[in-house]
Amino acid sequence: MTIIQKFSRVLIGIAISSLCVSVTYAEAPDTEKMWEIIQQQQKMIEQLQQKLEATEQKAAVTEQKVEETAEEIEAAAEAIEVAQASGTAQSFIDKTSVGGYGELHYNSKDGDDSIDFHRFVLYFGHEFNENIRFFSELELEHAFLSDSGSSNGEVELEQAWIEMDINDSHRIRAGVDVLPIGIINLTHEPNTFYGVERNEVEKRIIPTTWWEAGVGLNGELAPGWNYDVRLHSGLSTTSSIRSGRQKVAKANADHPATTASLRYTGIPGLEVGGAFNYQSDITAGATTASNSATLFEGHIDWKHNSGFGLRALYAQWDLDTQLSIAGDDTQYGYYIEPAYRFSLTVIPGEFGVFARWSELDYGDTKEEERIGVGFNYWPVEEVAFKFDYSIVDDTDANTTSNSFNLGLGYQF
């Protein structure tokens, strides 16, 4: 019995008792008067009974609605739990990621000084579901653009691809993407390498940053062994390798290229890898001659938990002898870069010192030997202050130049 029902019955009892009391203490009525009182009391009892029944009906309806509401709330809670478990309750923000990096450089070469916000980059990524994802990289170089051509600024779309899982170990990727060649071409955020500028071997020979449009497969062949195979657009040049990047801007697609890479990362802190690139026609049909070209690259990137590290890379182009870009049918470069990273108790963050020896032969009788030293300071892992000093010997021209560089880089 509900509280309302109990309360109603008490009211009826009180009313009947009141009537009885009033009858008891009043003067004794005659038979006719008594009958009239009894009829009035009976009518009042019937009215109270009707109200009690109506109240009980309302209480029953209310109780039923409460039970139904409780069942609906419980069902909704179960649906939310199921949705959260399956990932369908994730919002657009939960599935979308934003990041980026930037770097400011001060360069002084033989008394010629300049300062440049070299790169401002934004990343945008989105997961459509557990098996399909998107990633992009949009870059502004040299701070601004000018219609008059008075600036060196560029806006570049270096990455914009869709990747789909075939299974747990293999994926297919299509779109605009950086090629899996070398060390810095894939990982070029300024806080991840030593030196203010990217090293000249990977810049001139590979040439970093190098991106193309295409389709490919990537994944894991065995624990620690990762592969990447792609069919993509190619270079178009009759002068230097670096100038041949078409940057997927209405690029000539009549002469596709292929890239294959293999990397071993099964030991913590160690990467050993190599890549092969084939250009069916590196001039993109500029001549009727055979203009094929191949690039081979091998590298090691080792970071020991004691703070010692080592990077070394060798890359070489073999050009068709009928082409001989800039006078050489072979162009190559290599560098060796030992480093040591450490922390000081009195200063937050970490320091790193490095030295780099490199040699290049990249056409047009351009041969260089480079020696560089410097340091990085990371107040936090994502921010780096940089300094380096280098000496460049042009062995063909028999000249020597010196450069001093300062840099600030960040990643988020």
Protein backbone atom coordinates (compact mmCIF):
# COMPACT_ATOMS: atom_id res chain seq x y z
CA MET A 1 0.00 0.00 0.00
CA THR A 2 1.39 3.41 -1.01
CA ILE A 3 1.73 6.41 1.29
CA ILE A 4 -1.11 8.17 -0.57
CA GLN A 5 -3.45 5.22 -0.01
CA LYS A 6 -2.57 5.03 3.68
CA PHE A 7 -3.09 8.78 4.09
CA SER A 8 -6.51 8.65 2.36
CA ARG A 9 -7.75 5.86 4.62
CA VAL A 10 -6.65 7.82 7.69
CA LEU A 11 -8.63 10.84 6.47
CA ILE A 12 -11.74 8.70 6.05
CA GLY A 13 -11.30 7.31 9.55
CA ILE A 14 -10.89 10.78 11.00
CA ALA A 15 -14.01 11.99 9.19
CA ILE A 16 -16.13 9.09 10.44
CA SER A 17 -14.82 9.50 13.96
CA SER A 18 -15.62 13.22 13.89
CA LEU A 19 -19.18 12.49 12.83
CA CYS A 20 -19.59 9.94 15.55
CA VAL A 21 -18.25 12.33 18.15
CA SER A 22 -20.54 15.10 16.96
CA VAL A 23 -23.50 12.77 17.24
CA THR A 24 -22.50 11.62 20.69
CA TYR A 25 -22.20 15.05 22.22
CA ALA A 26 -25.24 16.59 20.47
CA GLU A 27 -28.75 16.37 21.85
CA ALA A 28 -30.40 13.02 21.17
CA PRO A 29 -32.20 13.40 17.85
CA ASP A 30 -35.51 11.82 17.05
CA THR A 31 -35.86 8.89 14.66
CA GLU A 32 -36.37 11.05 11.59
CA LYS A 33 -33.40 13.23 12.42
CA MET A 34 -31.28 10.17 13.09
CA TRP A 35 -32.18 8.68 9.72
CA GLU A 36 -31.26 11.94 8.00
CA ILE A 37 -27.87 11.98 9.76
CA ILE A 38 -27.24 8.36 8.80
CA GLN A 39 -28.03 9.14 5.15
CA GLN A 40 -25.66 12.15 5.18
CA GLN A 41 -22.93 10.05 6.71
CA GLN A 42 -23.48 7.30 4.14
CA LYS A 43 -23.25 9.82 1.32
CA MET A 44 -20.04 11.29 2.74
CA ILE A 45 -18.56 7.80 3.12
CA GLU A 46 -19.43 7.01 -0.51
CA GLN A 47 -17.80 10.27 -1.70
CA LEU A 48 -14.68 9.56 0.33
CA GLN A 49 -14.59 6.01 -1.01
CA GLN A 50 -14.83 7.31 -4.58
CA LYS A 51 -11.98 9.75 -3.94
CA LEU A 52 -9.94 6.93 -2.39
CA GLU A 53 -10.47 4.71 -5.42
CA ALA A 54 -9.50 7.56 -7.78
CA THR A 55 -6.41 8.27 -5.73
CA GLU A 56 -5.45 4.59 -5.78
CA GLN A 57 -5.87 4.50 -9.57
CA LYS A 58 -3.66 7.59 -9.98
CA ALA A 59 -1.07 6.08 -7.66
CA ALA A 60 -1.05 2.86 -9.67
CA VAL A 61 -0.61 4.79 -12.93
CA THR A 62 2.20 6.86 -11.38
CA GLU A 63 3.92 3.75 -10.07
CA GLN A 64 3.69 2.12 -13.51
CA LYS A 65 5.20 5.23 -15.19
CA VAL A 66 8.05 5.28 -12.66
CA GLU A 67 8.80 1.64 -13.39
CA GLU A 68 8.71 2.27 -17.16
CA THR A 69 11.00 5.29 -16.81
CA ALA A 70 13.47 3.29 -14.74
CA GLU A 71 13.50 0.57 -17.39
CA GLU A 72 14.12 3.18 -20.15
CA ILE A 73 17.01 4.73 -18.19
CA GLU A 74 18.56 1.32 -17.63
CA ALA A 75 18.21 0.45 -21.33
CA ALA A 76 19.78 3.79 -22.35
CA ALA A 77 22.71 3.24 -19.99
CA GLU A 78 23.28 -0.22 -21.46
CA ALA A 79 23.17 1.23 -25.01
CA ILE A 80 25.76 3.88 -24.09
CA GLU A 81 28.06 1.24 -22.62
CA VAL A 82 27.78 -0.88 -25.76
CA ALA A 83 28.41 2.16 -27.98
CA GLN A 84 31.46 3.17 -25.97
CA ALA A 85 32.83 -0.35 -26.12
CA SER A 86 32.46 -0.43 -29.91
CA GLY A 87 33.85 3.09 -30.40
CA THR A 88 30.72 4.44 -32.10
CA ALA A 89 30.19 7.02 -29.35
CA GLN A 90 33.44 8.82 -30.19
CA SER A 91 32.91 12.34 -31.43
CA PHE A 92 34.55 13.97 -34.43
CA ILE A 93 37.07 15.66 -32.14
CA ASP A 94 38.04 12.36 -30.57
CA LYS A 95 38.87 10.94 -34.01
CA THR A 96 40.69 14.01 -35.33
CA SER A 97 44.25 15.02 -34.48
CA VAL A 98 46.15 18.28 -35.06
CA GLY A 99 49.90 18.79 -34.83
CA GLY A 100 52.77 20.52 -36.50
CA TYR A 101 56.26 21.95 -36.29
CA GLY A 102 58.23 25.06 -37.16
CA GLU A 103 61.80 26.36 -37.29
CA LEU A 104 63.50 29.75 -37.23
CA HIS A 105 67.07 30.03 -38.59
CA TYR A 106 69.84 32.57 -38.35
CA ASN A 107 72.56 31.87 -40.93
CA SER A 108 75.92 33.56 -41.34
CA LYS A 109 78.08 32.38 -44.23
CA ASP A 110 81.31 34.21 -44.98
CA GLY A 111 79.89 37.43 -43.57
CA ASP A 112 76.56 37.18 -45.38
CA ASP A 113 73.89 37.11 -42.65
CA SER A 114 70.20 36.26 -42.93
CA ILE A 115 67.31 35.29 -40.69
CA ASP A 116 64.40 33.21 -41.91
CA PHE A 117 61.35 31.51 -40.46
CA HIS A 118 62.10 28.58 -42.70
CA ARG A 119 59.07 26.39 -42.11
CA PHE A 120 55.64 26.58 -40.50
CA VAL A 121 53.86 23.23 -40.76
CA LEU A 122 50.46 21.94 -39.67
CA TYR A 123 49.37 18.30 -39.48
CA PHE A 124 45.76 17.16 -39.72
CA GLY A 125 44.73 13.55 -39.23
CA HIS A 126 41.44 11.72 -38.88
CA GLU A 127 40.41 8.14 -38.10
CA PHE A 128 37.27 7.15 -39.98
CA ASN A 129 37.20 3.85 -38.10
CA GLU A 130 39.67 1.34 -36.68
CA ASN A 131 40.86 0.33 -40.15
CA ILE A 132 40.80 3.53 -42.27
CA ARG A 133 42.68 6.75 -41.49
CA PHE A 134 43.77 10.03 -43.10
CA PHE A 135 46.88 12.17 -42.62
CA SER A 136 48.06 15.45 -44.14
CA GLU A 137 50.93 17.94 -43.88
CA LEU A 138 50.54 21.54 -45.04
CA GLU A 139 53.64 23.73 -45.07
CA LEU A 140 54.42 27.43 -45.47
CA GLU A 141 58.07 28.11 -46.28
CA HIS A 142 59.89 31.42 -45.70
CA ALA A 143 57.08 33.17 -43.84
CA PHE A 144 55.04 34.77 -46.65
CA LEU A 145 54.03 34.76 -50.30
CA SER A 146 54.06 37.67 -52.73
CA ASP A 147 52.33 38.00 -56.09
CA SER A 148 55.18 40.21 -57.24
CA GLY A 149 57.65 37.37 -56.80
CA SER A 150 59.73 39.38 -54.31
CA SER A 151 59.61 36.57 -51.70
CA ASN A 152 60.86 33.00 -51.68
CA GLY A 153 57.77 31.79 -49.87
CA GLU A 154 55.93 28.64 -50.88
CA VAL A 155 52.82 26.82 -49.73
CA GLU A 156 53.26 23.07 -50.09
CA LEU A 157 51.04 20.07 -49.52
CA GLU A 158 53.62 17.43 -48.62
CA GLN A 159 51.25 14.74 -47.42
CA ALA A 160 47.58 13.91 -47.97
CA TRP A 161 46.93 10.17 -47.92
CA ILE A 162 44.39 7.53 -47.00
CA GLU A 163 45.58 4.31 -45.37
CA MET A 164 43.52 1.13 -44.99
CA ASP A 165 44.39 -1.98 -43.02
CA ILE A 166 44.47 -5.23 -44.95
CA ASN A 167 45.09 -7.19 -41.76
CA ASP A 168 47.04 -6.69 -38.53
CA SER A 169 50.41 -6.66 -40.35
CA HIS A 170 49.81 -5.08 -43.78
CA ARG A 171 48.26 -1.85 -45.06
CA ILE A 172 47.55 -0.11 -48.34
CA ARG A 173 48.16 3.63 -48.70
CA ALA A 174 47.22 6.01 -51.52
CA GLY A 175 47.63 9.76 -52.02
CA VAL A 176 50.45 12.25 -51.62
CA ASP A 177 53.20 11.03 -49.31
CA VAL A 178 56.91 11.45 -48.52
CA LEU A 179 59.01 8.60 -49.89
CA PRO A 180 60.52 6.08 -47.44
CA ILE A 181 64.13 6.92 -48.31
CA GLY A 182 66.86 7.91 -45.85
CA ILE A 183 66.46 9.15 -42.29
CA ILE A 184 65.31 12.77 -42.45
CA ASN A 185 62.96 12.39 -45.41
CA LEU A 186 60.56 10.49 -43.16
CA THR A 187 61.32 12.15 -39.81
CA HIS A 188 62.27 15.79 -40.38
CA GLU A 189 60.84 17.66 -37.39
CA PRO A 190 63.59 20.04 -36.16
CA ASN A 191 63.75 18.66 -32.61
CA THR A 192 64.63 15.17 -33.95
CA PHE A 193 68.00 15.92 -35.57
CA TYR A 194 71.24 17.81 -34.92
CA GLY A 195 72.22 20.92 -36.83
CA VAL A 196 70.18 23.96 -37.77
CA GLU A 197 69.77 22.97 -41.41
CA ARG A 198 69.07 19.48 -42.72
CA ASN A 199 72.29 17.78 -43.75
CA GLU A 200 73.41 18.37 -47.34
CA VAL A 201 73.78 14.69 -48.28
CA GLU A 202 70.11 13.94 -47.72
CA LYS A 203 69.16 17.35 -49.08
CA ARG A 204 71.09 17.14 -52.37
CA ILE A 205 71.21 13.44 -53.17
CA ILE A 206 67.93 11.93 -51.92
CA PRO A 207 66.57 14.85 -52.16
CA THR A 208 64.88 15.64 -48.84
CA THR A 209 62.06 16.51 -48.50
CA TRP A 210 60.83 14.40 -51.42
CA TRP A 211 57.16 13.56 -51.81
CA GLU A 212 55.15 12.05 -54.66
CA ALA A 213 51.61 10.89 -55.47
CA GLY A 214 50.97 7.18 -55.72
CA VAL A 215 49.81 3.95 -54.15
CA GLY A 216 51.66 1.34 -52.16
CA LEU A 217 51.82 -1.35 -49.50
CA ASN A 218 53.55 -1.19 -46.13
CA GLY A 219 53.69 -3.35 -43.08
CA GLU A 220 55.68 -5.83 -41.02
CA LEU A 221 57.25 -8.93 -42.58
CA ALA A 222 58.51 -10.29 -39.25
CA PRO A 223 59.00 -8.82 -35.77
CA GLY A 224 61.13 -5.70 -36.24
CA TRP A 225 61.27 -5.96 -40.07
CA ASN A 226 59.19 -3.27 -41.82
CA TYR A 227 58.74 -2.85 -45.57
CA ASP A 228 57.29 -0.21 -47.90
CA VAL A 229 56.67 -0.61 -51.66
CA ARG A 230 55.20 2.15 -53.84
CA LEU A 231 54.32 3.07 -57.40
CA HIS A 232 54.34 6.85 -57.77
CA SER A 233 55.01 9.92 -59.89
CA GLY A 234 58.63 10.62 -60.79
CA LEU A 235 61.22 13.35 -61.17
CA SER A 236 61.51 15.71 -64.11
CA THR A 237 64.95 17.26 -64.60
CA THR A 238 67.83 17.78 -66.97
CA SER A 239 69.94 19.74 -64.48
CA SER A 240 70.06 18.66 -60.81
CA ILE A 241 68.33 15.94 -58.86
CA ARG A 242 66.81 18.36 -56.36
CA SER A 243 65.34 20.62 -59.03
CA GLY A 244 63.52 17.60 -60.50
CA ARG A 245 60.93 17.38 -57.72
CA GLN A 246 57.54 18.10 -59.31
CA LYS A 247 55.78 18.36 -55.91
CA VAL A 248 52.58 16.88 -57.36
CA ALA A 249 51.65 20.22 -58.93
CA LYS A 250 50.15 19.19 -62.29
CA ALA A 251 53.07 16.79 -62.43
CA ASN A 252 53.93 14.83 -65.55
CA ALA A 253 52.66 11.29 -64.93
CA ASP A 254 53.70 9.65 -68.22
CA HIS A 255 56.84 8.17 -66.65
CA PRO A 256 56.10 6.56 -63.27
CA ALA A 257 58.68 5.59 -60.69
CA THR A 258 58.90 2.95 -57.97
CA THR A 259 60.38 2.87 -54.47
CA ALA A 260 61.02 -0.06 -52.14
CA SER A 261 62.46 0.12 -48.64
CA LEU A 262 63.26 -2.26 -45.80
CA ARG A 263 63.98 -1.26 -42.19
CA TYR A 264 64.92 -3.20 -39.08
CA THR A 265 63.86 -1.72 -35.73
CA GLY A 266 63.77 -4.85 -33.58
CA ILE A 267 66.40 -3.55 -31.12
CA PRO A 268 65.36 -0.54 -28.99
CA GLY A 269 67.13 2.60 -30.15
CA LEU A 270 68.41 1.07 -33.39
CA GLU A 271 67.25 1.47 -36.99
CA VAL A 272 69.05 -0.09 -39.92
CA GLY A 273 67.52 0.46 -43.33
CA GLY A 274 67.91 0.80 -47.04
CA ALA A 275 65.87 1.92 -50.03
CA PHE A 276 65.85 1.55 -53.82
CA ASN A 277 64.23 4.00 -56.25
CA TYR A 278 63.82 3.55 -60.00
CA GLN A 279 62.96 6.36 -62.43
CA SER A 280 61.71 5.14 -65.81
CA ASP A 281 62.58 8.55 -67.31
CA ILE A 282 64.08 11.14 -64.97
CA THR A 283 63.56 13.87 -67.61
CA ALA A 284 59.83 13.04 -67.91
CA GLY A 285 60.11 12.74 -71.70
CA ALA A 286 62.22 15.83 -72.32
CA THR A 287 64.30 13.82 -74.83
CA THR A 288 63.74 10.68 -76.86
CA ALA A 289 66.83 9.01 -75.40
CA SER A 290 66.86 6.45 -72.63
CA ASN A 291 66.85 8.48 -69.41
CA SER A 292 66.34 5.90 -66.68
CA ALA A 293 67.94 6.39 -63.27
CA THR A 294 68.29 4.43 -60.03
CA LEU A 295 68.95 5.50 -56.46
CA PHE A 296 70.29 3.28 -53.70
CA GLU A 297 70.42 4.39 -50.06
CA GLY A 298 71.55 2.67 -46.85
CA HIS A 299 71.64 4.06 -43.32
CA ILE A 300 71.98 3.38 -39.61
CA ASP A 301 70.46 5.42 -36.78
CA TRP A 302 71.51 4.30 -33.30
CA LYS A 303 70.65 5.87 -29.95
CA HIS A 304 72.09 4.10 -26.91
CA ASN A 305 70.48 4.52 -23.49
CA SER A 306 73.82 5.86 -22.18
CA GLY A 307 73.36 8.97 -24.35
CA PHE A 308 75.74 8.02 -27.17
CA GLY A 309 74.36 8.02 -30.69
CA LEU A 310 75.45 7.51 -34.27
CA ARG A 311 73.97 8.30 -37.64
CA ALA A 312 75.52 7.24 -40.91
CA LEU A 313 74.10 7.26 -44.42
CA TYR A 314 75.25 6.58 -47.97
CA ALA A 315 73.20 7.41 -51.09
CA GLN A 316 74.07 7.12 -54.79
CA TRP A 317 72.36 7.84 -58.09
CA ASP A 318 73.26 5.87 -61.23
CA LEU A 319 72.11 7.83 -64.27
CA ASP A 320 71.81 6.58 -67.81
CA THR A 321 74.99 7.51 -69.64
CA GLN A 322 72.94 9.20 -72.37
CA LEU A 323 71.59 11.60 -69.77
CA SER A 324 74.56 12.46 -67.54
CA ILE A 325 72.78 15.15 -65.54
CA ALA A 326 75.11 18.07 -64.93
CA GLY A 327 77.99 16.15 -66.44
CA ASP A 328 77.99 13.14 -64.09
CA ASP A 329 76.39 9.73 -64.60
CA THR A 330 77.02 8.93 -60.92
CA GLN A 331 76.16 11.20 -58.02
CA TYR A 332 76.67 10.20 -54.41
CA GLY A 333 77.05 11.41 -50.86
CA TYR A 334 77.65 10.06 -47.38
CA TYR A 335 77.98 11.31 -43.82
CA ILE A 336 78.94 10.02 -40.38
CA GLU A 337 77.54 11.76 -37.32
CA PRO A 338 78.48 10.68 -33.77
CA ALA A 339 76.66 12.43 -30.91
CA TYR A 340 76.29 12.42 -27.15
CA ARG A 341 73.19 13.53 -25.23
CA PHE A 342 73.23 14.37 -21.52
CA SER A 343 71.55 16.37 -18.77
CA LEU A 344 72.80 18.77 -16.08
CA THR A 345 71.32 18.84 -12.60
CA VAL A 346 71.40 22.66 -12.42
CA ILE A 347 69.64 23.21 -15.77
CA PRO A 348 66.30 21.59 -16.76
CA GLY A 349 66.10 19.64 -19.98
CA GLU A 350 68.87 17.95 -21.96
CA PHE A 351 71.91 18.90 -24.03
CA GLY A 352 73.42 17.15 -27.02
CA VAL A 353 76.73 17.63 -28.85
CA PHE A 354 77.59 16.27 -32.29
CA ALA A 355 80.16 16.22 -35.06
CA ARG A 356 79.49 15.43 -38.71
CA TRP A 357 81.80 14.46 -41.56
CA SER A 358 80.30 14.36 -45.03
CA GLU A 359 81.33 14.18 -48.66
CA LEU A 360 79.24 14.91 -51.75
CA ASP A 361 79.52 14.67 -55.50
CA TYR A 362 76.30 15.99 -56.98
CA GLY A 363 77.06 16.98 -60.53
CA ASP A 364 78.29 19.99 -62.44
CA THR A 365 81.82 19.31 -61.14
CA LYS A 366 80.43 19.93 -57.65
CA GLU A 367 82.44 18.01 -55.06
CA GLU A 368 82.43 18.99 -51.41
CA GLU A 369 83.89 17.88 -48.13
CA ARG A 370 82.11 19.15 -45.03
CA ILE A 371 83.03 19.15 -41.35
CA GLY A 372 80.49 20.39 -38.83
CA VAL A 373 80.15 20.55 -35.04
CA GLY A 374 77.46 21.91 -32.76
CA PHE A 375 74.97 21.29 -30.02
CA ASN A 376 71.26 21.13 -29.28
CA TYR A 377 69.45 22.12 -26.11
CA TRP A 378 66.03 20.63 -25.39
CA PRO A 379 64.26 22.38 -22.46
CA VAL A 380 61.47 19.89 -23.21
CA GLU A 381 61.53 17.06 -25.75
CA GLU A 382 59.40 18.98 -28.27
CA VAL A 383 61.48 22.21 -28.32
CA ALA A 384 65.11 22.55 -29.44
CA PHE A 385 67.57 25.44 -29.50
CA LYS A 386 70.43 24.76 -31.93
CA PHE A 387 73.93 25.92 -32.80
CA ASP A 388 76.38 24.63 -35.39
CA TYR A 389 79.55 25.66 -37.17
CA SER A 390 80.76 24.10 -40.41
CA ILE A 391 83.67 24.29 -42.83
CA VAL A 392 83.03 23.44 -46.49
CA ASP A 393 85.84 22.61 -48.90
CA ASP A 394 84.90 22.79 -52.56
CA THR A 395 87.54 20.43 -53.94
CA ASP A 396 86.83 21.32 -57.57
CA ALA A 397 86.94 25.08 -57.14
CA ASN A 398 89.64 24.80 -54.45
CA THR A 399 87.75 27.17 -52.15
CA THR A 400 86.76 27.04 -48.49
CA SER A 401 83.76 28.63 -46.80
CA ASN A 402 82.62 28.84 -43.20
CA SER A 403 79.13 29.06 -41.80
CA PHE A 404 77.70 29.78 -38.37
CA ASN A 405 74.04 28.96 -37.67
CA LEU A 406 71.54 29.40 -34.86
CA GLY A 407 68.13 27.82 -34.80
CA LEU A 408 64.92 27.37 -32.85
CA GLY A 409 62.62 24.44 -33.60
CA TYR A 410 59.45 22.98 -32.09
CA GLN A 411 56.99 20.17 -32.60
CA PHE A 412 53.55 19.52 -31.12
